[in-house]
Amino acid sequence: MEDVKKSALNLAKIATAAGMPLVLTSSQEDRRQGPLVPELEEIAPKAFADLFKRTGIVNAVHDENVNKAVEYTGRRKLVVAGITTEVCVVFPVLQMLDEGYEVGL
């Protein structure tokens, strides 16, 4: 798990340094998933302040606010990361591909 966290933080650092927009989201912070890693606040304070807290919606893009935030970036090429590929990443990526986005993992 420590490797996943380190990778996520590095990805956020690269995106921030490159001027890429970040859309951060979490799900059920009061449950097993827990809150988003607090180190992201230092790396990307604006994105962290704008964090979208979902209430159990597995596919983050099904959350209207997250979907609008992704659209608002104006980007058609996206990088998607999550704690678990089979849950956090696969469902949003499949939907994004259906909507015509180019997605990297």
PDB file of N, CA and C in Angstrom:
ATOM      1  N   MET A   1       0.823  -1.201   0.000  1.00  0.00           N
ATOM      2  CA  MET A   1       0.000   0.000   0.000  1.00  0.00           C
ATOM      3  C   MET A   1       0.863   1.259   0.000  1.00  0.00           C
ATOM      4  N   GLU A   2       2.003   1.171   0.625  1.00  0.00           N
ATOM      5  CA  GLU A   2       2.901   2.328   0.672  1.00  0.00           C
ATOM      6  C   GLU A   2       3.398   2.691  -0.733  1.00  0.00           C
ATOM      7  N   ASP A   3       3.596   1.674  -1.585  1.00  0.00           N
ATOM      8  CA  ASP A   3       4.020   1.924  -2.967  1.00  0.00           C
ATOM      9  C   ASP A   3       2.924   2.642  -3.748  1.00  0.00           C
ATOM     10  N   VAL A   4       1.678   2.264  -3.515  1.00  0.00           N
ATOM     11  CA  VAL A   4       0.554   2.902  -4.196  1.00  0.00           C
ATOM     12  C   VAL A   4       0.488   4.374  -3.803  1.00  0.00           C
ATOM     13  N   LYS A   5       0.636   4.629  -2.526  1.00  0.00           N
ATOM     14  CA  LYS A   5       0.597   6.006  -2.025  1.00  0.00           C
ATOM     15  C   LYS A   5       1.743   6.823  -2.626  1.00  0.00           C
ATOM     16  N   LYS A   6       2.927   6.271  -2.622  1.00  0.00           N
ATOM     17  CA  LYS A   6       4.093   6.963  -3.163  1.00  0.00           C
ATOM     18  C   LYS A   6       3.885   7.270  -4.647  1.00  0.00           C
ATOM     19  N   SER A   7       3.366   6.314  -5.383  1.00  0.00           N
ATOM     20  CA  SER A   7       3.108   6.509  -6.813  1.00  0.00           C
ATOM     21  C   SER A   7       2.070   7.596  -7.042  1.00  0.00           C
ATOM     22  N   ALA A   8       1.014   7.595  -6.254  1.00  0.00           N
ATOM     23  CA  ALA A   8      -0.038   8.608  -6.392  1.00  0.00           C
ATOM     24  C   ALA A   8       0.511  10.002  -6.114  1.00  0.00           C
ATOM     25  N   LEU A   9       1.320  10.120  -5.088  1.00  0.00           N
ATOM     26  CA  LEU A   9       1.913  11.420  -4.751  1.00  0.00           C
ATOM     27  C   LEU A   9       2.862  11.881  -5.852  1.00  0.00           C
ATOM     28  N   ASN A  10       3.648  10.965  -6.393  1.00  0.00           N
ATOM     29  CA  ASN A  10       4.558  11.319  -7.486  1.00  0.00           C
ATOM     30  C   ASN A  10       3.787  11.745  -8.729  1.00  0.00           C
ATOM     31  N   LEU A  11       2.713  11.047  -9.033  1.00  0.00           N
ATOM     32  CA  LEU A  11       1.885  11.408 -10.173  1.00  0.00           C
ATOM     33  C   LEU A  11       1.302  12.813  -9.992  1.00  0.00           C
ATOM     34  N   ALA A  12       0.851  13.114  -8.794  1.00  0.00           N
ATOM     35  CA  ALA A  12       0.309  14.449  -8.512  1.00  0.00           C
ATOM     36  C   ALA A  12       1.395  15.522  -8.635  1.00  0.00           C
ATOM     37  N   LYS A  13       2.592  15.213  -8.187  1.00  0.00           N
ATOM     38  CA  LYS A  13       3.710  16.167  -8.311  1.00  0.00           C
ATOM     39  C   LYS A  13       4.029  16.443  -9.770  1.00  0.00           C
ATOM     40  N   ILE A  14       4.063  15.405 -10.572  1.00  0.00           N
ATOM     41  CA  ILE A  14       4.356  15.561 -12.006  1.00  0.00           C
ATOM     42  C   ILE A  14       3.264  16.380 -12.677  1.00  0.00           C
ATOM     43  N   ALA A  15       2.017  16.042 -12.402  1.00  0.00           N
ATOM     44  CA  ALA A  15       0.897  16.761 -13.005  1.00  0.00           C
ATOM     45  C   ALA A  15       0.928  18.238 -12.612  1.00  0.00           C
ATOM     46  N   THR A  16       1.178  18.517 -11.353  1.00  0.00           N
ATOM     47  CA  THR A  16       1.229  19.896 -10.873  1.00  0.00           C
ATOM     48  C   THR A  16       2.375  20.654 -11.527  1.00  0.00           C
ATOM     49  N   ALA A  17       3.543  20.029 -11.591  1.00  0.00           N
ATOM     50  CA  ALA A  17       4.706  20.670 -12.209  1.00  0.00           C
ATOM     51  C   ALA A  17       4.481  20.948 -13.689  1.00  0.00           C
ATOM     52  N   ALA A  18       3.722  20.078 -14.346  1.00  0.00           N
ATOM     53  CA  ALA A  18       3.452  20.233 -15.781  1.00  0.00           C
ATOM     54  C   ALA A  18       2.255  21.148 -16.048  1.00  0.00           C
ATOM     55  N   GLY A  19       1.613  21.632 -14.988  1.00  0.00           N
ATOM     56  CA  GLY A  19       0.463  22.517 -15.155  1.00  0.00           C
ATOM     57  C   GLY A  19      -0.800  21.804 -15.592  1.00  0.00           C
ATOM     58  N   MET A  20      -0.869  20.511 -15.335  1.00  0.00           N
ATOM     59  CA  MET A  20      -2.059  19.744 -15.697  1.00  0.00           C
ATOM     60  C   MET A  20      -3.129  19.918 -14.622  1.00  0.00           C
ATOM     61  N   PRO A  21      -4.389  20.008 -15.021  1.00  0.00           N
ATOM     62  CA  PRO A  21      -5.450  20.109 -14.008  1.00  0.00           C
ATOM     63  C   PRO A  21      -5.625  18.776 -13.291  1.00  0.00           C
ATOM     64  N   LEU A  22      -5.932  18.846 -12.013  1.00  0.00           N
ATOM     65  CA  LEU A  22      -6.195  17.649 -11.211  1.00  0.00           C
ATOM     66  C   LEU A  22      -7.632  17.688 -10.726  1.00  0.00           C
ATOM     67  N   VAL A  23      -8.300  16.554 -10.826  1.00  0.00           N
ATOM     68  CA  VAL A  23      -9.632  16.389 -10.249  1.00  0.00           C
ATOM     69  C   VAL A  23      -9.484  15.280  -9.216  1.00  0.00           C
ATOM     70  N   LEU A  24      -9.613  15.621  -7.955  1.00  0.00           N
ATOM     71  CA  LEU A  24      -9.457  14.646  -6.873  1.00  0.00           C
ATOM     72  C   LEU A  24     -10.824  14.269  -6.320  1.00  0.00           C
ATOM     73  N   THR A  25     -10.978  13.004  -5.999  1.00  0.00           N
ATOM     74  CA  THR A  25     -12.244  12.528  -5.462  1.00  0.00           C
ATOM     75  C   THR A  25     -11.987  11.415  -4.448  1.00  0.00           C
ATOM     76  N   SER A  26     -12.871  11.304  -3.505  1.00  0.00           N
ATOM     77  CA  SER A  26     -12.791  10.227  -2.511  1.00  0.00           C
ATOM     78  C   SER A  26     -14.195   9.664  -2.322  1.00  0.00           C
ATOM     79  N   SER A  27     -14.256   8.507  -1.695  1.00  0.00           N
ATOM     80  CA  SER A  27     -15.551   7.867  -1.486  1.00  0.00           C
ATOM     81  C   SER A  27     -15.654   7.350  -0.068  1.00  0.00           C
ATOM     82  N   GLN A  28     -16.705   7.713   0.586  1.00  0.00           N
ATOM     83  CA  GLN A  28     -17.008   7.233   1.934  1.00  0.00           C
ATOM     84  C   GLN A  28     -15.799   7.324   2.867  1.00  0.00           C
ATOM     85  N   GLU A  29     -15.328   8.528   3.078  1.00  0.00           N
ATOM     86  CA  GLU A  29     -14.149   8.753   3.919  1.00  0.00           C
ATOM     87  C   GLU A  29     -14.319   8.249   5.346  1.00  0.00           C
ATOM     88  N   ASP A  30     -15.553   8.133   5.799  1.00  0.00           N
ATOM     89  CA  ASP A  30     -15.803   7.680   7.165  1.00  0.00           C
ATOM     90  C   ASP A  30     -15.834   6.154   7.277  1.00  0.00           C
ATOM     91  N   ARG A  31     -15.589   5.470   6.170  1.00  0.00           N
ATOM     92  CA  ARG A  31     -15.590   4.009   6.160  1.00  0.00           C
ATOM     93  C   ARG A  31     -14.198   3.490   5.866  1.00  0.00           C
ATOM     94  N   ARG A  32     -14.156   2.239   5.448  1.00  0.00           N
ATOM     95  CA  ARG A  32     -12.872   1.558   5.228  1.00  0.00           C
ATOM     96  C   ARG A  32     -11.940   2.306   4.271  1.00  0.00           C
ATOM     97  N   GLN A  33     -12.518   2.950   3.247  1.00  0.00           N
ATOM     98  CA  GLN A  33     -11.712   3.658   2.270  1.00  0.00           C
ATOM     99  C   GLN A  33     -10.861   4.755   2.920  1.00  0.00           C
ATOM    100  N   GLY A  34     -11.427   5.404   3.914  1.00  0.00           N
ATOM    101  CA  GLY A  34     -10.728   6.468   4.616  1.00  0.00           C
ATOM    102  C   GLY A  34     -10.572   7.714   3.763  1.00  0.00           C
ATOM    103  N   PRO A  35      -9.991   8.747   4.357  1.00  0.00           N
ATOM    104  CA  PRO A  35      -9.822  10.013   3.643  1.00  0.00           C
ATOM    105  C   PRO A  35      -8.698   9.937   2.604  1.00  0.00           C
ATOM    106  N   LEU A  36      -8.730  10.870   1.693  1.00  0.00           N
ATOM    107  CA  LEU A  36      -7.675  10.987   0.703  1.00  0.00           C
ATOM    108  C   LEU A  36      -6.359  11.296   1.427  1.00  0.00           C
ATOM    109  N   VAL A  37      -5.258  10.846   0.876  1.00  0.00           N
ATOM    110  CA  VAL A  37      -3.972  11.050   1.550  1.00  0.00           C
ATOM    111  C   VAL A  37      -3.728  12.546   1.753  1.00  0.00           C
ATOM    112  N   PRO A  38      -3.472  12.956   2.987  1.00  0.00           N
ATOM    113  CA  PRO A  38      -3.353  14.379   3.296  1.00  0.00           C
ATOM    114  C   PRO A  38      -2.149  15.062   2.637  1.00  0.00           C
ATOM    115  N   GLU A  39      -1.152  14.299   2.240  1.00  0.00           N
ATOM    116  CA  GLU A  39       0.014  14.887   1.585  1.00  0.00           C
ATOM    117  C   GLU A  39      -0.345  15.566   0.261  1.00  0.00           C
ATOM    118  N   LEU A  40      -1.469  15.167  -0.316  1.00  0.00           N
ATOM    119  CA  LEU A  40      -1.913  15.794  -1.568  1.00  0.00           C
ATOM    120  C   LEU A  40      -2.251  17.269  -1.366  1.00  0.00           C
ATOM    121  N   GLU A  41      -2.614  17.639  -0.161  1.00  0.00           N
ATOM    122  CA  GLU A  41      -2.946  19.040   0.104  1.00  0.00           C
ATOM    123  C   GLU A  41      -1.733  19.939  -0.111  1.00  0.00           C
ATOM    124  N   GLU A  42      -0.567  19.468   0.266  1.00  0.00           N
ATOM    125  CA  GLU A  42       0.658  20.245   0.084  1.00  0.00           C
ATOM    126  C   GLU A  42       1.060  20.291  -1.398  1.00  0.00           C
ATOM    127  N   ILE A  43       0.863  19.188  -2.095  1.00  0.00           N
ATOM    128  CA  ILE A  43       1.263  19.081  -3.499  1.00  0.00           C
ATOM    129  C   ILE A  43       0.319  19.868  -4.400  1.00  0.00           C
ATOM    130  N   ALA A  44      -0.964  19.756  -4.155  1.00  0.00           N
ATOM    131  CA  ALA A  44      -1.972  20.379  -5.014  1.00  0.00           C
ATOM    132  C   ALA A  44      -3.063  21.008  -4.144  1.00  0.00           C
ATOM    133  N   PRO A  45      -2.758  22.131  -3.490  1.00  0.00           N
ATOM    134  CA  PRO A  45      -3.714  22.714  -2.536  1.00  0.00           C
ATOM    135  C   PRO A  45      -5.070  23.078  -3.138  1.00  0.00           C
ATOM    136  N   LYS A  46      -5.106  23.605  -4.346  1.00  0.00           N
ATOM    137  CA  LYS A  46      -6.384  23.992  -4.955  1.00  0.00           C
ATOM    138  C   LYS A  46      -7.233  22.759  -5.261  1.00  0.00           C
ATOM    139  N   ALA A  47      -6.617  21.751  -5.879  1.00  0.00           N
ATOM    140  CA  ALA A  47      -7.359  20.520  -6.194  1.00  0.00           C
ATOM    141  C   ALA A  47      -7.828  19.839  -4.925  1.00  0.00           C
ATOM    142  N   PHE A  48      -6.999  19.871  -3.888  1.00  0.00           N
ATOM    143  CA  PHE A  48      -7.377  19.246  -2.616  1.00  0.00           C
ATOM    144  C   PHE A  48      -8.548  19.993  -1.983  1.00  0.00           C
ATOM    145  N   ALA A  49      -8.528  21.309  -2.056  1.00  0.00           N
ATOM    146  CA  ALA A  49      -9.627  22.110  -1.497  1.00  0.00           C
ATOM    147  C   ALA A  49     -10.926  21.860  -2.249  1.00  0.00           C
ATOM    148  N   ASP A  50     -10.805  21.539  -3.547  1.00  0.00           N
ATOM    149  CA  ASP A  50     -11.976  21.283  -4.384  1.00  0.00           C
ATOM    150  C   ASP A  50     -12.356  19.800  -4.426  1.00  0.00           C
ATOM    151  N   LEU A  51     -11.791  18.999  -3.537  1.00  0.00           N
ATOM    152  CA  LEU A  51     -12.011  17.554  -3.483  1.00  0.00           C
ATOM    153  C   LEU A  51     -13.496  17.209  -3.537  1.00  0.00           C
ATOM    154  N   PHE A  52     -13.832  16.266  -4.392  1.00  0.00           N
ATOM    155  CA  PHE A  52     -15.207  15.796  -4.496  1.00  0.00           C
ATOM    156  C   PHE A  52     -15.347  14.555  -3.628  1.00  0.00           C
ATOM    157  N   LYS A  53     -16.179  14.652  -2.599  1.00  0.00           N
ATOM    158  CA  LYS A  53     -16.415  13.532  -1.685  1.00  0.00           C
ATOM    159  C   LYS A  53     -17.692  12.824  -2.115  1.00  0.00           C
ATOM    160  N   ARG A  54     -17.496  11.655  -2.726  1.00  0.00           N
ATOM    161  CA  ARG A  54     -18.645  10.874  -3.190  1.00  0.00           C
ATOM    162  C   ARG A  54     -19.233  10.082  -2.024  1.00  0.00           C
ATOM    163  N   THR A  55     -20.499   9.767  -2.155  1.00  0.00           N
ATOM    164  CA  THR A  55     -21.178   9.002  -1.104  1.00  0.00           C
ATOM    165  C   THR A  55     -21.492   7.600  -1.583  1.00  0.00           C
ATOM    166  N   GLY A  56     -20.449   6.842  -1.842  1.00  0.00           N
ATOM    167  CA  GLY A  56     -20.625   5.442  -2.191  1.00  0.00           C
ATOM    168  C   GLY A  56     -20.782   5.151  -3.659  1.00  0.00           C
ATOM    169  N   ILE A  57     -20.691   6.149  -4.508  1.00  0.00           N
ATOM    170  CA  ILE A  57     -20.779   5.931  -5.950  1.00  0.00           C
ATOM    171  C   ILE A  57     -19.451   5.327  -6.395  1.00  0.00           C
ATOM    172  N   VAL A  58     -19.495   4.089  -6.884  1.00  0.00           N
ATOM    173  CA  VAL A  58     -18.262   3.391  -7.271  1.00  0.00           C
ATOM    174  C   VAL A  58     -17.612   4.064  -8.471  1.00  0.00           C
ATOM    175  N   ASN A  59     -18.373   4.315  -9.506  1.00  0.00           N
ATOM    176  CA  ASN A  59     -17.842   4.968 -10.691  1.00  0.00           C
ATOM    177  C   ASN A  59     -17.835   6.468 -10.455  1.00  0.00           C
ATOM    178  N   ALA A  60     -16.662   7.030 -10.250  1.00  0.00           N
ATOM    179  CA  ALA A  60     -16.550   8.453  -9.928  1.00  0.00           C
ATOM    180  C   ALA A  60     -17.206   9.337 -10.974  1.00  0.00           C
ATOM    181  N   VAL A  61     -17.199   8.916 -12.231  1.00  0.00           N
ATOM    182  CA  VAL A  61     -17.782   9.722 -13.295  1.00  0.00           C
ATOM    183  C   VAL A  61     -19.306   9.718 -13.240  1.00  0.00           C
ATOM    184  N   HIS A  62     -19.896   8.790 -12.502  1.00  0.00           N
ATOM    185  CA  HIS A  62     -21.348   8.813 -12.297  1.00  0.00           C
ATOM    186  C   HIS A  62     -21.757   9.928 -11.337  1.00  0.00           C
ATOM    187  N   ASP A  63     -20.801  10.448 -10.594  1.00  0.00           N
ATOM    188  CA  ASP A  63     -21.072  11.591  -9.727  1.00  0.00           C
ATOM    189  C   ASP A  63     -21.115  12.827 -10.623  1.00  0.00           C
ATOM    190  N   GLU A  64     -22.237  13.496 -10.670  1.00  0.00           N
ATOM    191  CA  GLU A  64     -22.430  14.634 -11.564  1.00  0.00           C
ATOM    192  C   GLU A  64     -21.356  15.709 -11.373  1.00  0.00           C
ATOM    193  N   ASN A  65     -20.963  15.970 -10.131  1.00  0.00           N
ATOM    194  CA  ASN A  65     -19.961  16.999  -9.867  1.00  0.00           C
ATOM    195  C   ASN A  65     -18.585  16.607 -10.410  1.00  0.00           C
ATOM    196  N   VAL A  66     -18.224  15.351 -10.256  1.00  0.00           N
ATOM    197  CA  VAL A  66     -16.946  14.870 -10.782  1.00  0.00           C
ATOM    198  C   VAL A  66     -16.973  14.930 -12.302  1.00  0.00           C
ATOM    199  N   ASN A  67     -18.051  14.449 -12.894  1.00  0.00           N
ATOM    200  CA  ASN A  67     -18.182  14.456 -14.344  1.00  0.00           C
ATOM    201  C   ASN A  67     -18.044  15.881 -14.892  1.00  0.00           C
ATOM    202  N   LYS A  68     -18.715  16.825 -14.271  1.00  0.00           N
ATOM    203  CA  LYS A  68     -18.638  18.222 -14.712  1.00  0.00           C
ATOM    204  C   LYS A  68     -17.217  18.771 -14.541  1.00  0.00           C
ATOM    205  N   ALA A  69     -16.549  18.393 -13.455  1.00  0.00           N
ATOM    206  CA  ALA A  69     -15.183  18.867 -13.218  1.00  0.00           C
ATOM    207  C   ALA A  69     -14.224  18.350 -14.285  1.00  0.00           C
ATOM    208  N   VAL A  70     -14.406  17.094 -14.677  1.00  0.00           N
ATOM    209  CA  VAL A  70     -13.577  16.524 -15.744  1.00  0.00           C
ATOM    210  C   VAL A  70     -13.848  17.274 -17.049  1.00  0.00           C
ATOM    211  N   GLU A  71     -15.103  17.497 -17.359  1.00  0.00           N
ATOM    212  CA  GLU A  71     -15.444  18.242 -18.573  1.00  0.00           C
ATOM    213  C   GLU A  71     -14.885  19.650 -18.531  1.00  0.00           C
ATOM    214  N   TYR A  72     -14.937  20.285 -17.368  1.00  0.00           N
ATOM    215  CA  TYR A  72     -14.489  21.669 -17.195  1.00  0.00           C
ATOM    216  C   TYR A  72     -12.995  21.831 -17.478  1.00  0.00           C
ATOM    217  N   THR A  73     -12.210  20.770 -17.293  1.00  0.00           N
ATOM    218  CA  THR A  73     -10.776  20.873 -17.575  1.00  0.00           C
ATOM    219  C   THR A  73     -10.540  21.163 -19.052  1.00  0.00           C
ATOM    220  N   GLY A  74     -11.493  20.775 -19.895  1.00  0.00           N
ATOM    221  CA  GLY A  74     -11.341  20.987 -21.320  1.00  0.00           C
ATOM    222  C   GLY A  74     -10.396  20.000 -21.984  1.00  0.00           C
ATOM    223  N   ARG A  75      -9.927  19.058 -21.217  1.00  0.00           N
ATOM    224  CA  ARG A  75      -8.975  18.072 -21.740  1.00  0.00           C
ATOM    225  C   ARG A  75      -9.707  16.849 -22.257  1.00  0.00           C
ATOM    226  N   ARG A  76      -9.238  16.297 -23.369  1.00  0.00           N
ATOM    227  CA  ARG A  76      -9.793  15.053 -23.909  1.00  0.00           C
ATOM    228  C   ARG A  76      -8.855  13.884 -23.663  1.00  0.00           C
ATOM    229  N   LYS A  77      -7.612  14.183 -23.291  1.00  0.00           N
ATOM    230  CA  LYS A  77      -6.643  13.147 -22.921  1.00  0.00           C
ATOM    231  C   LYS A  77      -6.492  13.202 -21.415  1.00  0.00           C
ATOM    232  N   LEU A  78      -6.763  12.075 -20.756  1.00  0.00           N
ATOM    233  CA  LEU A  78      -6.778  12.035 -19.299  1.00  0.00           C
ATOM    234  C   LEU A  78      -5.843  10.953 -18.777  1.00  0.00           C
ATOM    235  N   VAL A  79      -5.350  11.182 -17.575  1.00  0.00           N
ATOM    236  CA  VAL A  79      -4.619  10.165 -16.823  1.00  0.00           C
ATOM    237  C   VAL A  79      -5.482   9.859 -15.611  1.00  0.00           C
ATOM    238  N   VAL A  80      -5.747   8.584 -15.384  1.00  0.00           N
ATOM    239  CA  VAL A  80      -6.612   8.175 -14.280  1.00  0.00           C
ATOM    240  C   VAL A  80      -5.824   7.276 -13.338  1.00  0.00           C
ATOM    241  N   ALA A  81      -5.929   7.552 -12.060  1.00  0.00           N
ATOM    242  CA  ALA A  81      -5.262   6.737 -11.051  1.00  0.00           C
ATOM    243  C   ALA A  81      -6.243   6.468  -9.919  1.00  0.00           C
ATOM    244  N   GLY A  82      -6.020   5.371  -9.218  1.00  0.00           N
ATOM    245  CA  GLY A  82      -6.880   5.020  -8.095  1.00  0.00           C
ATOM    246  C   GLY A  82      -6.212   3.985  -7.231  1.00  0.00           C
ATOM    247  N   ILE A  83      -6.789   3.734  -6.096  1.00  0.00           N
ATOM    248  CA  ILE A  83      -6.221   2.766  -5.156  1.00  0.00           C
ATOM    249  C   ILE A  83      -6.279   1.353  -5.729  1.00  0.00           C
ATOM    250  N   THR A  84      -7.405   0.981  -6.304  1.00  0.00           N
ATOM    251  CA  THR A  84      -7.526  -0.353  -6.885  1.00  0.00           C
ATOM    252  C   THR A  84      -7.948  -0.233  -8.342  1.00  0.00           C
ATOM    253  N   THR A  85      -7.212  -0.883  -9.210  1.00  0.00           N
ATOM    254  CA  THR A  85      -7.514  -0.816 -10.640  1.00  0.00           C
ATOM    255  C   THR A  85      -8.871  -1.419 -10.941  1.00  0.00           C
ATOM    256  N   GLU A  86      -9.191  -2.568 -10.327  1.00  0.00           N
ATOM    257  CA  GLU A  86     -10.425  -3.280 -10.658  1.00  0.00           C
ATOM    258  C   GLU A  86     -11.686  -2.584 -10.175  1.00  0.00           C
ATOM    259  N   VAL A  87     -11.571  -1.589  -9.328  1.00  0.00           N
ATOM    260  CA  VAL A  87     -12.751  -0.864  -8.865  1.00  0.00           C
ATOM    261  C   VAL A  87     -12.611   0.634  -9.142  1.00  0.00           C
ATOM    262  N   CYS A  88     -11.613   1.252  -8.564  1.00  0.00           N
ATOM    263  CA  CYS A  88     -11.467   2.712  -8.630  1.00  0.00           C
ATOM    264  C   CYS A  88     -11.191   3.226 -10.036  1.00  0.00           C
ATOM    265  N   VAL A  89     -10.529   2.423 -10.856  1.00  0.00           N
ATOM    266  CA  VAL A  89     -10.083   2.896 -12.160  1.00  0.00           C
ATOM    267  C   VAL A  89     -10.925   2.349 -13.313  1.00  0.00           C
ATOM    268  N   VAL A  90     -11.214   1.066 -13.304  1.00  0.00           N
ATOM    269  CA  VAL A  90     -11.814   0.445 -14.496  1.00  0.00           C
ATOM    270  C   VAL A  90     -13.172   1.040 -14.871  1.00  0.00           C
ATOM    271  N   PHE A  91     -14.046   1.265 -13.925  1.00  0.00           N
ATOM    272  CA  PHE A  91     -15.384   1.757 -14.260  1.00  0.00           C
ATOM    273  C   PHE A  91     -15.350   3.184 -14.835  1.00  0.00           C
ATOM    274  N   PRO A  92     -14.658   4.119 -14.195  1.00  0.00           N
ATOM    275  CA  PRO A  92     -14.594   5.452 -14.808  1.00  0.00           C
ATOM    276  C   PRO A  92     -13.896   5.444 -16.168  1.00  0.00           C
ATOM    277  N   VAL A  93     -12.832   4.649 -16.302  1.00  0.00           N
ATOM    278  CA  VAL A  93     -12.105   4.615 -17.568  1.00  0.00           C
ATOM    279  C   VAL A  93     -12.984   4.068 -18.692  1.00  0.00           C
ATOM    280  N   LEU A  94     -13.710   3.002 -18.429  1.00  0.00           N
ATOM    281  CA  LEU A  94     -14.595   2.455 -19.461  1.00  0.00           C
ATOM    282  C   LEU A  94     -15.623   3.491 -19.902  1.00  0.00           C
ATOM    283  N   GLN A  95     -16.180   4.207 -18.947  1.00  0.00           N
ATOM    284  CA  GLN A  95     -17.155   5.243 -19.301  1.00  0.00           C
ATOM    285  C   GLN A  95     -16.482   6.369 -20.074  1.00  0.00           C
ATOM    286  N   MET A  96     -15.301   6.787 -19.636  1.00  0.00           N
ATOM    287  CA  MET A  96     -14.597   7.869 -20.332  1.00  0.00           C
ATOM    288  C   MET A  96     -14.264   7.471 -21.769  1.00  0.00           C
ATOM    289  N   LEU A  97     -13.852   6.239 -21.963  1.00  0.00           N
ATOM    290  CA  LEU A  97     -13.575   5.762 -23.321  1.00  0.00           C
ATOM    291  C   LEU A  97     -14.842   5.802 -24.165  1.00  0.00           C
ATOM    292  N   ASP A  98     -15.970   5.377 -23.593  1.00  0.00           N
ATOM    293  CA  ASP A  98     -17.255   5.444 -24.303  1.00  0.00           C
ATOM    294  C   ASP A  98     -17.627   6.874 -24.674  1.00  0.00           C
ATOM    295  N   GLU A  99     -17.192   7.827 -23.838  1.00  0.00           N
ATOM    296  CA  GLU A  99     -17.522   9.237 -24.091  1.00  0.00           C
ATOM    297  C   GLU A  99     -16.499   9.915 -24.995  1.00  0.00           C
ATOM    298  N   GLY A 100     -15.518   9.141 -25.498  1.00  0.00           N
ATOM    299  CA  GLY A 100     -14.581   9.675 -26.467  1.00  0.00           C
ATOM    300  C   GLY A 100     -13.287  10.239 -25.914  1.00  0.00           C
ATOM    301  N   TYR A 101     -13.049  10.062 -24.630  1.00  0.00           N
ATOM    302  CA  TYR A 101     -11.791  10.507 -24.051  1.00  0.00           C
ATOM    303  C   TYR A 101     -10.679   9.524 -24.416  1.00  0.00           C
ATOM    304  N   GLU A 102      -9.451  10.018 -24.448  1.00  0.00           N
ATOM    305  CA  GLU A 102      -8.273   9.166 -24.521  1.00  0.00           C
ATOM    306  C   GLU A 102      -7.760   9.046 -23.095  1.00  0.00           C
ATOM    307  N   VAL A 103      -7.541   7.839 -22.632  1.00  0.00           N
ATOM    308  CA  VAL A 103      -7.205   7.638 -21.214  1.00  0.00           C
ATOM    309  C   VAL A 103      -5.927   6.836 -21.065  1.00  0.00           C
ATOM    310  N   GLY A 104      -5.052   7.314 -20.186  1.00  0.00           N
ATOM    311  CA  GLY A 104      -3.849   6.583 -19.801  1.00  0.00           C
ATOM    312  C   GLY A 104      -3.959   6.208 -18.337  1.00  0.00           C
ATOM    313  N   LEU A 105      -3.356   5.125 -17.969  1.00  0.00           N
ATOM    314  CA  LEU A 105      -3.414   4.676 -16.578  1.00  0.00           C
ATOM    315  C   LEU A 105      -2.061   4.813 -15.938  1.00  0.00           C
TER     316      LEU A 105
END
